[in-house]
Amino acid sequence: MCFPSFSAPNQILNENQVSLTFLDWLASVTERIHQTMHFQFDGKPEPLVFHIPQSFFDALSQRLSMGNARMRLPNCTTAFVRKDALPLGTFSKYTWHITNILQVKQIFDTPEMPLEITRSFVQNRDGTFDLFKCPKVEVENIAETYGRLEKQPIRPLELKTFLKVGNTSPDQKEPTPFTIEWIPDILPLSKIGELRIKFEYGHHRNGPLPEFMDPAPHTLEHTLEITPLTTITFD
């Protein structure tokens, strides 16, 4: 059994020195996005919800406007009255639709946690899935490695998930958005607002089927027709 770690009894923690930076928080959001992109699920997750200070969203909104001379305005603004759930009152919701996968990566990349727009998995014999990390290969001179391809590691069957942002299939008419919603002053005295992140992800299979795997599992039948990642276009 694992127990939480605590400071030694003789060490007094100064609570005034305990703080969370914006980049530390943003890295945790990026990690949540990674966790959500799991091959075992259908690719349409529930929104990720965070309650954060207004100052954190101000910093995030700067990232929304990267590359623009002026602050990017929301795609839509909605006023609504909440009567049947707490907190009660009238609120405003600001919504941004991002349809460029490179901009999504620009928004959520941090030094400690770069955003992974694709994730790879392997299927176990019991039907569960594990995240697959390709072993790192030392970079060599092209002339030295030419003709020695047999030394490259052989990848097992890969089951990939990828963020669906923009047009991800040739016959797609409307781009799939990565949506960011902000409701300020959910806690007005504390200046805490509610951030919601909505996105979809797709599934793709690479490589031959291992002997223990059902060649046409029912749970993944609808995902096997997803267009390979090589055909994704970025707007």
C-alpha atoms as a PDB file:
ATOM      1  CA  MET A   1       0.000   0.000   0.000  1.00  0.00           C
ATOM      2  CA  CYS A   2       1.267   3.463  -0.911  1.00  0.00           C
ATOM      3  CA  PHE A   3       0.998   6.312   1.551  1.00  0.00           C
ATOM      4  CA  PRO A   4       1.293  10.026   0.784  1.00  0.00           C
ATOM      5  CA  SER A   5       4.621  11.603   1.596  1.00  0.00           C
ATOM      6  CA  PHE A   6       4.760  14.177   4.375  1.00  0.00           C
ATOM      7  CA  SER A   7       7.442  16.526   5.619  1.00  0.00           C
ATOM      8  CA  ALA A   8       9.413  15.360   8.621  1.00  0.00           C
ATOM      9  CA  PRO A   9       7.715  16.284  11.931  1.00  0.00           C
ATOM     10  CA  ASN A  10      10.534  18.662  12.853  1.00  0.00           C
ATOM     11  CA  GLN A  11      10.307  20.556   9.546  1.00  0.00           C
ATOM     12  CA  ILE A  12       7.848  23.431   9.532  1.00  0.00           C
ATOM     13  CA  LEU A  13       6.535  24.359   6.094  1.00  0.00           C
ATOM     14  CA  ASN A  14       6.026  28.051   5.501  1.00  0.00           C
ATOM     15  CA  GLU A  15       2.662  28.152   3.750  1.00  0.00           C
ATOM     16  CA  ASN A  16       3.426  31.634   2.412  1.00  0.00           C
ATOM     17  CA  GLN A  17       6.203  30.096   0.328  1.00  0.00           C
ATOM     18  CA  VAL A  18       3.970  27.422  -1.240  1.00  0.00           C
ATOM     19  CA  SER A  19       2.998  28.523  -4.728  1.00  0.00           C
ATOM     20  CA  LEU A  20       2.038  27.186  -8.139  1.00  0.00           C
ATOM     21  CA  THR A  21       3.305  28.969 -11.220  1.00  0.00           C
ATOM     22  CA  PHE A  22       1.266  29.361 -14.384  1.00  0.00           C
ATOM     23  CA  LEU A  23       3.611  27.053 -16.311  1.00  0.00           C
ATOM     24  CA  ASP A  24       3.364  24.384 -13.613  1.00  0.00           C
ATOM     25  CA  TRP A  25      -0.414  24.544 -13.824  1.00  0.00           C
ATOM     26  CA  LEU A  26      -0.401  24.528 -17.632  1.00  0.00           C
ATOM     27  CA  ALA A  27       1.805  21.439 -17.616  1.00  0.00           C
ATOM     28  CA  SER A  28      -0.845  19.678 -15.516  1.00  0.00           C
ATOM     29  CA  VAL A  29      -3.499  20.633 -18.095  1.00  0.00           C
ATOM     30  CA  THR A  30      -1.341  19.212 -20.882  1.00  0.00           C
ATOM     31  CA  GLU A  31      -0.896  16.013 -18.864  1.00  0.00           C
ATOM     32  CA  ARG A  32      -4.702  15.774 -18.474  1.00  0.00           C
ATOM     33  CA  ILE A  33      -5.062  16.055 -22.252  1.00  0.00           C
ATOM     34  CA  HIS A  34      -2.526  13.240 -22.670  1.00  0.00           C
ATOM     35  CA  GLN A  35      -4.331  11.029 -20.162  1.00  0.00           C
ATOM     36  CA  THR A  36      -7.632  11.615 -21.917  1.00  0.00           C
ATOM     37  CA  MET A  37      -6.314  10.508 -25.331  1.00  0.00           C
ATOM     38  CA  HIS A  38      -6.488   6.821 -24.419  1.00  0.00           C
ATOM     39  CA  PHE A  39      -7.005   4.195 -27.105  1.00  0.00           C
ATOM     40  CA  GLN A  40      -9.455   2.259 -24.964  1.00  0.00           C
ATOM     41  CA  PHE A  41     -12.096   5.012 -25.152  1.00  0.00           C
ATOM     42  CA  ASP A  42     -14.274   6.357 -27.939  1.00  0.00           C
ATOM     43  CA  GLY A  43     -12.539   9.636 -28.773  1.00  0.00           C
ATOM     44  CA  LYS A  44     -15.320  11.949 -27.574  1.00  0.00           C
ATOM     45  CA  PRO A  45     -14.422  12.607 -23.927  1.00  0.00           C
ATOM     46  CA  GLU A  46     -16.286  14.751 -21.445  1.00  0.00           C
ATOM     47  CA  PRO A  47     -14.945  18.336 -21.200  1.00  0.00           C
ATOM     48  CA  LEU A  48     -11.936  18.861 -18.959  1.00  0.00           C
ATOM     49  CA  VAL A  49     -12.928  21.344 -16.244  1.00  0.00           C
ATOM     50  CA  PHE A  50     -10.551  23.529 -14.204  1.00  0.00           C
ATOM     51  CA  HIS A  51     -11.222  26.247 -11.630  1.00  0.00           C
ATOM     52  CA  ILE A  52      -8.389  28.753 -11.835  1.00  0.00           C
ATOM     53  CA  PRO A  53      -7.528  32.366 -10.909  1.00  0.00           C
ATOM     54  CA  GLN A  54      -8.321  35.094 -13.423  1.00  0.00           C
ATOM     55  CA  SER A  55      -4.583  35.789 -13.692  1.00  0.00           C
ATOM     56  CA  PHE A  56      -3.961  32.237 -14.988  1.00  0.00           C
ATOM     57  CA  PHE A  57      -6.547  32.694 -17.707  1.00  0.00           C
ATOM     58  CA  ASP A  58      -5.057  36.087 -18.595  1.00  0.00           C
ATOM     59  CA  ALA A  59      -1.745  34.316 -19.212  1.00  0.00           C
ATOM     60  CA  LEU A  60      -3.490  31.591 -21.213  1.00  0.00           C
ATOM     61  CA  SER A  61      -5.303  34.180 -23.334  1.00  0.00           C
ATOM     62  CA  GLN A  62      -1.911  35.629 -24.295  1.00  0.00           C
ATOM     63  CA  ARG A  63      -1.015  32.230 -25.704  1.00  0.00           C
ATOM     64  CA  LEU A  64      -4.303  32.211 -27.604  1.00  0.00           C
ATOM     65  CA  SER A  65      -3.135  35.388 -29.312  1.00  0.00           C
ATOM     66  CA  MET A  66       0.430  34.307 -30.131  1.00  0.00           C
ATOM     67  CA  GLY A  67       1.478  35.611 -33.515  1.00  0.00           C
ATOM     68  CA  ASN A  68      -1.237  38.287 -33.548  1.00  0.00           C
ATOM     69  CA  ALA A  69      -0.658  41.961 -32.925  1.00  0.00           C
ATOM     70  CA  ARG A  70      -3.892  42.221 -30.941  1.00  0.00           C
ATOM     71  CA  MET A  71      -5.607  40.021 -28.391  1.00  0.00           C
ATOM     72  CA  ARG A  72      -7.657  37.309 -30.086  1.00  0.00           C
ATOM     73  CA  LEU A  73     -11.367  37.819 -29.452  1.00  0.00           C
ATOM     74  CA  PRO A  74     -13.631  34.852 -28.650  1.00  0.00           C
ATOM     75  CA  ASN A  75     -15.604  33.258 -31.471  1.00  0.00           C
ATOM     76  CA  CYS A  76     -18.776  33.704 -29.458  1.00  0.00           C
ATOM     77  CA  THR A  77     -19.974  35.176 -26.161  1.00  0.00           C
ATOM     78  CA  THR A  78     -23.016  33.829 -24.318  1.00  0.00           C
ATOM     79  CA  ALA A  79     -24.873  35.196 -21.300  1.00  0.00           C
ATOM     80  CA  PHE A  80     -26.821  32.644 -19.282  1.00  0.00           C
ATOM     81  CA  VAL A  81     -28.738  32.413 -16.019  1.00  0.00           C
ATOM     82  CA  ARG A  82     -28.091  29.466 -13.702  1.00  0.00           C
ATOM     83  CA  LYS A  83     -31.197  28.692 -11.628  1.00  0.00           C
ATOM     84  CA  ASP A  84     -31.085  24.940 -11.007  1.00  0.00           C
ATOM     85  CA  ALA A  85     -27.450  24.441  -9.991  1.00  0.00           C
ATOM     86  CA  LEU A  86     -24.856  26.194  -7.864  1.00  0.00           C
ATOM     87  CA  PRO A  87     -23.552  28.787  -8.139  1.00  0.00           C
ATOM     88  CA  LEU A  88     -26.766  30.653  -8.932  1.00  0.00           C
ATOM     89  CA  GLY A  89     -26.752  33.866 -10.922  1.00  0.00           C
ATOM     90  CA  THR A  90     -26.069  35.370 -14.322  1.00  0.00           C
ATOM     91  CA  PHE A  91     -22.783  34.523 -15.993  1.00  0.00           C
ATOM     92  CA  SER A  92     -20.966  35.153 -19.248  1.00  0.00           C
ATOM     93  CA  LYS A  93     -19.248  32.409 -21.228  1.00  0.00           C
ATOM     94  CA  TYR A  94     -16.509  33.174 -23.753  1.00  0.00           C
ATOM     95  CA  THR A  95     -15.726  30.519 -26.355  1.00  0.00           C
ATOM     96  CA  TRP A  96     -12.733  30.092 -28.670  1.00  0.00           C
ATOM     97  CA  HIS A  97     -12.646  27.515 -31.493  1.00  0.00           C
ATOM     98  CA  ILE A  98      -9.117  26.543 -32.544  1.00  0.00           C
ATOM     99  CA  THR A  99      -8.940  24.727 -35.901  1.00  0.00           C
ATOM    100  CA  ASN A 100      -5.178  24.661 -36.389  1.00  0.00           C
ATOM    101  CA  ILE A 101      -3.377  21.803 -34.647  1.00  0.00           C
ATOM    102  CA  LEU A 102      -0.094  23.743 -34.612  1.00  0.00           C
ATOM    103  CA  GLN A 103      -1.751  26.566 -32.691  1.00  0.00           C
ATOM    104  CA  VAL A 104      -3.181  24.088 -30.176  1.00  0.00           C
ATOM    105  CA  LYS A 105       0.332  22.763 -29.630  1.00  0.00           C
ATOM    106  CA  GLN A 106       1.654  26.301 -29.304  1.00  0.00           C
ATOM    107  CA  ILE A 107      -0.932  27.054 -26.608  1.00  0.00           C
ATOM    108  CA  PHE A 108      -0.312  23.965 -24.453  1.00  0.00           C
ATOM    109  CA  ASP A 109       3.411  23.313 -24.930  1.00  0.00           C
ATOM    110  CA  THR A 110       5.516  23.839 -21.803  1.00  0.00           C
ATOM    111  CA  PRO A 111       9.220  23.175 -21.201  1.00  0.00           C
ATOM    112  CA  GLU A 112       8.383  20.287 -18.858  1.00  0.00           C
ATOM    113  CA  MET A 113       5.360  18.928 -20.741  1.00  0.00           C
ATOM    114  CA  PRO A 114       5.263  19.389 -24.541  1.00  0.00           C
ATOM    115  CA  LEU A 115       1.856  18.598 -26.008  1.00  0.00           C
ATOM    116  CA  GLU A 116       1.777  15.253 -27.815  1.00  0.00           C
ATOM    117  CA  ILE A 117      -0.647  15.466 -30.731  1.00  0.00           C
ATOM    118  CA  THR A 118      -0.354  11.685 -31.211  1.00  0.00           C
ATOM    119  CA  ARG A 119       0.026   8.915 -28.639  1.00  0.00           C
ATOM    120  CA  SER A 120       0.975   5.284 -29.273  1.00  0.00           C
ATOM    121  CA  PHE A 121      -0.342   2.198 -27.472  1.00  0.00           C
ATOM    122  CA  VAL A 122       0.129  -1.547 -27.545  1.00  0.00           C
ATOM    123  CA  GLN A 123      -2.596  -4.069 -26.784  1.00  0.00           C
ATOM    124  CA  ASN A 124      -1.949  -6.711 -24.133  1.00  0.00           C
ATOM    125  CA  ARG A 125      -3.183 -10.292 -24.247  1.00  0.00           C
ATOM    126  CA  ASP A 126      -5.920  -9.470 -21.734  1.00  0.00           C
ATOM    127  CA  GLY A 127      -7.336  -6.760 -23.996  1.00  0.00           C
ATOM    128  CA  THR A 128      -5.951  -3.804 -22.043  1.00  0.00           C
ATOM    129  CA  PHE A 129      -3.772  -1.102 -23.573  1.00  0.00           C
ATOM    130  CA  ASP A 130      -0.440   0.332 -22.456  1.00  0.00           C
ATOM    131  CA  LEU A 131       1.198   3.526 -23.599  1.00  0.00           C
ATOM    132  CA  PHE A 132       4.054   2.752 -25.977  1.00  0.00           C
ATOM    133  CA  LYS A 133       7.234   4.823 -25.979  1.00  0.00           C
ATOM    134  CA  CYS A 134       9.638   4.193 -28.831  1.00  0.00           C
ATOM    135  CA  PRO A 135      13.176   3.553 -27.534  1.00  0.00           C
ATOM    136  CA  LYS A 136      15.506   6.472 -28.145  1.00  0.00           C
ATOM    137  CA  VAL A 137      18.082   5.881 -30.860  1.00  0.00           C
ATOM    138  CA  GLU A 138      21.372   7.752 -30.907  1.00  0.00           C
ATOM    139  CA  VAL A 139      21.645  10.035 -33.920  1.00  0.00           C
ATOM    140  CA  GLU A 140      24.490   8.991 -36.209  1.00  0.00           C
ATOM    141  CA  ASN A 141      25.998  10.400 -39.360  1.00  0.00           C
ATOM    142  CA  ILE A 142      23.868   9.567 -42.423  1.00  0.00           C
ATOM    143  CA  ALA A 143      26.874   8.141 -44.241  1.00  0.00           C
ATOM    144  CA  GLU A 144      27.620   5.834 -41.320  1.00  0.00           C
ATOM    145  CA  THR A 145      24.070   4.596 -40.965  1.00  0.00           C
ATOM    146  CA  TYR A 146      23.407   4.185 -44.709  1.00  0.00           C
ATOM    147  CA  GLY A 147      23.132   0.499 -45.524  1.00  0.00           C
ATOM    148  CA  ARG A 148      22.807  -0.505 -41.854  1.00  0.00           C
ATOM    149  CA  LEU A 149      19.035  -0.282 -41.498  1.00  0.00           C
ATOM    150  CA  GLU A 150      19.018  -3.664 -39.787  1.00  0.00           C
ATOM    151  CA  LYS A 151      20.278  -1.902 -36.654  1.00  0.00           C
ATOM    152  CA  GLN A 152      17.158   0.217 -36.307  1.00  0.00           C
ATOM    153  CA  PRO A 153      14.738  -1.015 -33.626  1.00  0.00           C
ATOM    154  CA  ILE A 154      11.689  -2.923 -34.834  1.00  0.00           C
ATOM    155  CA  ARG A 155       8.475  -1.378 -33.614  1.00  0.00           C
ATOM    156  CA  PRO A 156       5.680  -3.618 -32.384  1.00  0.00           C
ATOM    157  CA  LEU A 157       2.096  -3.154 -33.476  1.00  0.00           C
ATOM    158  CA  GLU A 158       1.154   0.425 -32.717  1.00  0.00           C
ATOM    159  CA  LEU A 159      -2.328   1.634 -31.890  1.00  0.00           C
ATOM    160  CA  LYS A 160      -2.341   5.405 -32.194  1.00  0.00           C
ATOM    161  CA  THR A 161      -4.623   8.161 -31.005  1.00  0.00           C
ATOM    162  CA  PHE A 162      -4.377  11.642 -32.459  1.00  0.00           C
ATOM    163  CA  LEU A 163      -5.985  14.981 -31.709  1.00  0.00           C
ATOM    164  CA  LYS A 164      -8.715  15.715 -34.248  1.00  0.00           C
ATOM    165  CA  VAL A 165      -8.260  19.395 -35.006  1.00  0.00           C
ATOM    166  CA  GLY A 166      -9.123  20.960 -38.356  1.00  0.00           C
ATOM    167  CA  ASN A 167      -9.809  18.727 -41.365  1.00  0.00           C
ATOM    168  CA  THR A 168      -8.522  15.230 -40.620  1.00  0.00           C
ATOM    169  CA  SER A 169     -10.129  13.344 -43.525  1.00  0.00           C
ATOM    170  CA  PRO A 170     -10.389  14.120 -47.258  1.00  0.00           C
ATOM    171  CA  ASP A 171     -14.204  14.224 -47.319  1.00  0.00           C
ATOM    172  CA  GLN A 172     -14.581  16.371 -44.183  1.00  0.00           C
ATOM    173  CA  LYS A 173     -16.535  19.569 -44.895  1.00  0.00           C
ATOM    174  CA  GLU A 174     -16.364  21.366 -41.547  1.00  0.00           C
ATOM    175  CA  PRO A 175     -13.131  21.463 -39.478  1.00  0.00           C
ATOM    176  CA  THR A 176     -13.166  19.836 -36.057  1.00  0.00           C
ATOM    177  CA  PRO A 177     -12.508  22.501 -33.408  1.00  0.00           C
ATOM    178  CA  PHE A 178     -10.475  22.354 -30.234  1.00  0.00           C
ATOM    179  CA  THR A 179     -12.727  24.410 -27.949  1.00  0.00           C
ATOM    180  CA  ILE A 180     -11.729  26.579 -24.993  1.00  0.00           C
ATOM    181  CA  GLU A 181     -14.495  28.051 -22.808  1.00  0.00           C
ATOM    182  CA  TRP A 182     -14.056  30.561 -19.996  1.00  0.00           C
ATOM    183  CA  ILE A 183     -16.657  31.582 -17.399  1.00  0.00           C
ATOM    184  CA  PRO A 184     -15.168  34.283 -15.139  1.00  0.00           C
ATOM    185  CA  ASP A 185     -16.107  34.946 -11.514  1.00  0.00           C
ATOM    186  CA  ILE A 186     -17.619  31.591 -10.629  1.00  0.00           C
ATOM    187  CA  LEU A 187     -16.192  32.548  -7.224  1.00  0.00           C
ATOM    188  CA  PRO A 188     -16.405  36.356  -7.456  1.00  0.00           C
ATOM    189  CA  LEU A 189     -14.684  37.237  -4.171  1.00  0.00           C
ATOM    190  CA  SER A 190     -11.739  34.949  -4.919  1.00  0.00           C
ATOM    191  CA  LYS A 191     -11.622  35.903  -8.619  1.00  0.00           C
ATOM    192  CA  ILE A 192     -11.816  32.246  -9.646  1.00  0.00           C
ATOM    193  CA  GLY A 193     -13.315  31.258 -12.997  1.00  0.00           C
ATOM    194  CA  GLU A 194     -14.197  28.020 -14.749  1.00  0.00           C
ATOM    195  CA  LEU A 195     -12.149  26.823 -17.714  1.00  0.00           C
ATOM    196  CA  ARG A 196     -13.544  24.081 -19.955  1.00  0.00           C
ATOM    197  CA  ILE A 197     -11.571  22.319 -22.675  1.00  0.00           C
ATOM    198  CA  LYS A 198     -13.416  20.257 -25.285  1.00  0.00           C
ATOM    199  CA  PHE A 199     -11.782  18.160 -27.975  1.00  0.00           C
ATOM    200  CA  GLU A 200     -12.045  14.924 -29.916  1.00  0.00           C
ATOM    201  CA  TYR A 201      -9.393  12.408 -30.840  1.00  0.00           C
ATOM    202  CA  GLY A 202      -9.186   9.673 -33.454  1.00  0.00           C
ATOM    203  CA  HIS A 203      -7.824   6.127 -33.578  1.00  0.00           C
ATOM    204  CA  HIS A 204      -5.440   4.506 -36.040  1.00  0.00           C
ATOM    205  CA  ARG A 205      -3.793   1.087 -36.260  1.00  0.00           C
ATOM    206  CA  ASN A 206      -0.293   0.456 -37.617  1.00  0.00           C
ATOM    207  CA  GLY A 207       1.405  -2.861 -38.318  1.00  0.00           C
ATOM    208  CA  PRO A 208       0.277  -6.512 -38.597  1.00  0.00           C
ATOM    209  CA  LEU A 209      -2.033  -8.108 -36.034  1.00  0.00           C
ATOM    210  CA  PRO A 210      -0.362 -10.367 -33.450  1.00  0.00           C
ATOM    211  CA  GLU A 211      -1.704 -13.904 -33.194  1.00  0.00           C
ATOM    212  CA  PHE A 212      -3.488 -13.336 -29.887  1.00  0.00           C
ATOM    213  CA  MET A 213      -5.464 -10.316 -31.171  1.00  0.00           C
ATOM    214  CA  ASP A 214      -8.904 -10.587 -32.680  1.00  0.00           C
ATOM    215  CA  PRO A 215      -8.535  -9.405 -36.302  1.00  0.00           C
ATOM    216  CA  ALA A 216     -11.847  -7.511 -36.100  1.00  0.00           C
ATOM    217  CA  PRO A 217     -12.625  -6.528 -32.505  1.00  0.00           C
ATOM    218  CA  HIS A 218     -16.127  -5.117 -32.186  1.00  0.00           C
ATOM    219  CA  THR A 219     -15.058  -2.324 -29.875  1.00  0.00           C
ATOM    220  CA  LEU A 220     -12.687  -0.883 -32.480  1.00  0.00           C
ATOM    221  CA  GLU A 221     -14.656  -1.634 -35.626  1.00  0.00           C
ATOM    222  CA  HIS A 222     -15.610   1.991 -36.162  1.00  0.00           C
ATOM    223  CA  THR A 223     -12.052   3.220 -35.630  1.00  0.00           C
ATOM    224  CA  LEU A 224     -10.286   1.066 -38.188  1.00  0.00           C
ATOM    225  CA  GLU A 225     -11.482   3.213 -41.085  1.00  0.00           C
ATOM    226  CA  ILE A 226      -9.890   6.378 -39.719  1.00  0.00           C
ATOM    227  CA  THR A 227      -7.604   8.038 -42.254  1.00  0.00           C
ATOM    228  CA  PRO A 228      -3.901   7.432 -41.483  1.00  0.00           C
ATOM    229  CA  LEU A 229      -1.990  10.251 -39.843  1.00  0.00           C
ATOM    230  CA  THR A 230       0.023  10.848 -42.991  1.00  0.00           C
ATOM    231  CA  THR A 231      -3.042  12.374 -44.649  1.00  0.00           C
ATOM    232  CA  ILE A 232      -3.856  14.868 -41.894  1.00  0.00           C
ATOM    233  CA  THR A 233      -3.782  18.446 -43.159  1.00  0.00           C
ATOM    234  CA  PHE A 234      -3.153  21.427 -40.916  1.00  0.00           C
ATOM    235  CA  ASP A 235      -5.080  24.640 -41.589  1.00  0.00           C
END
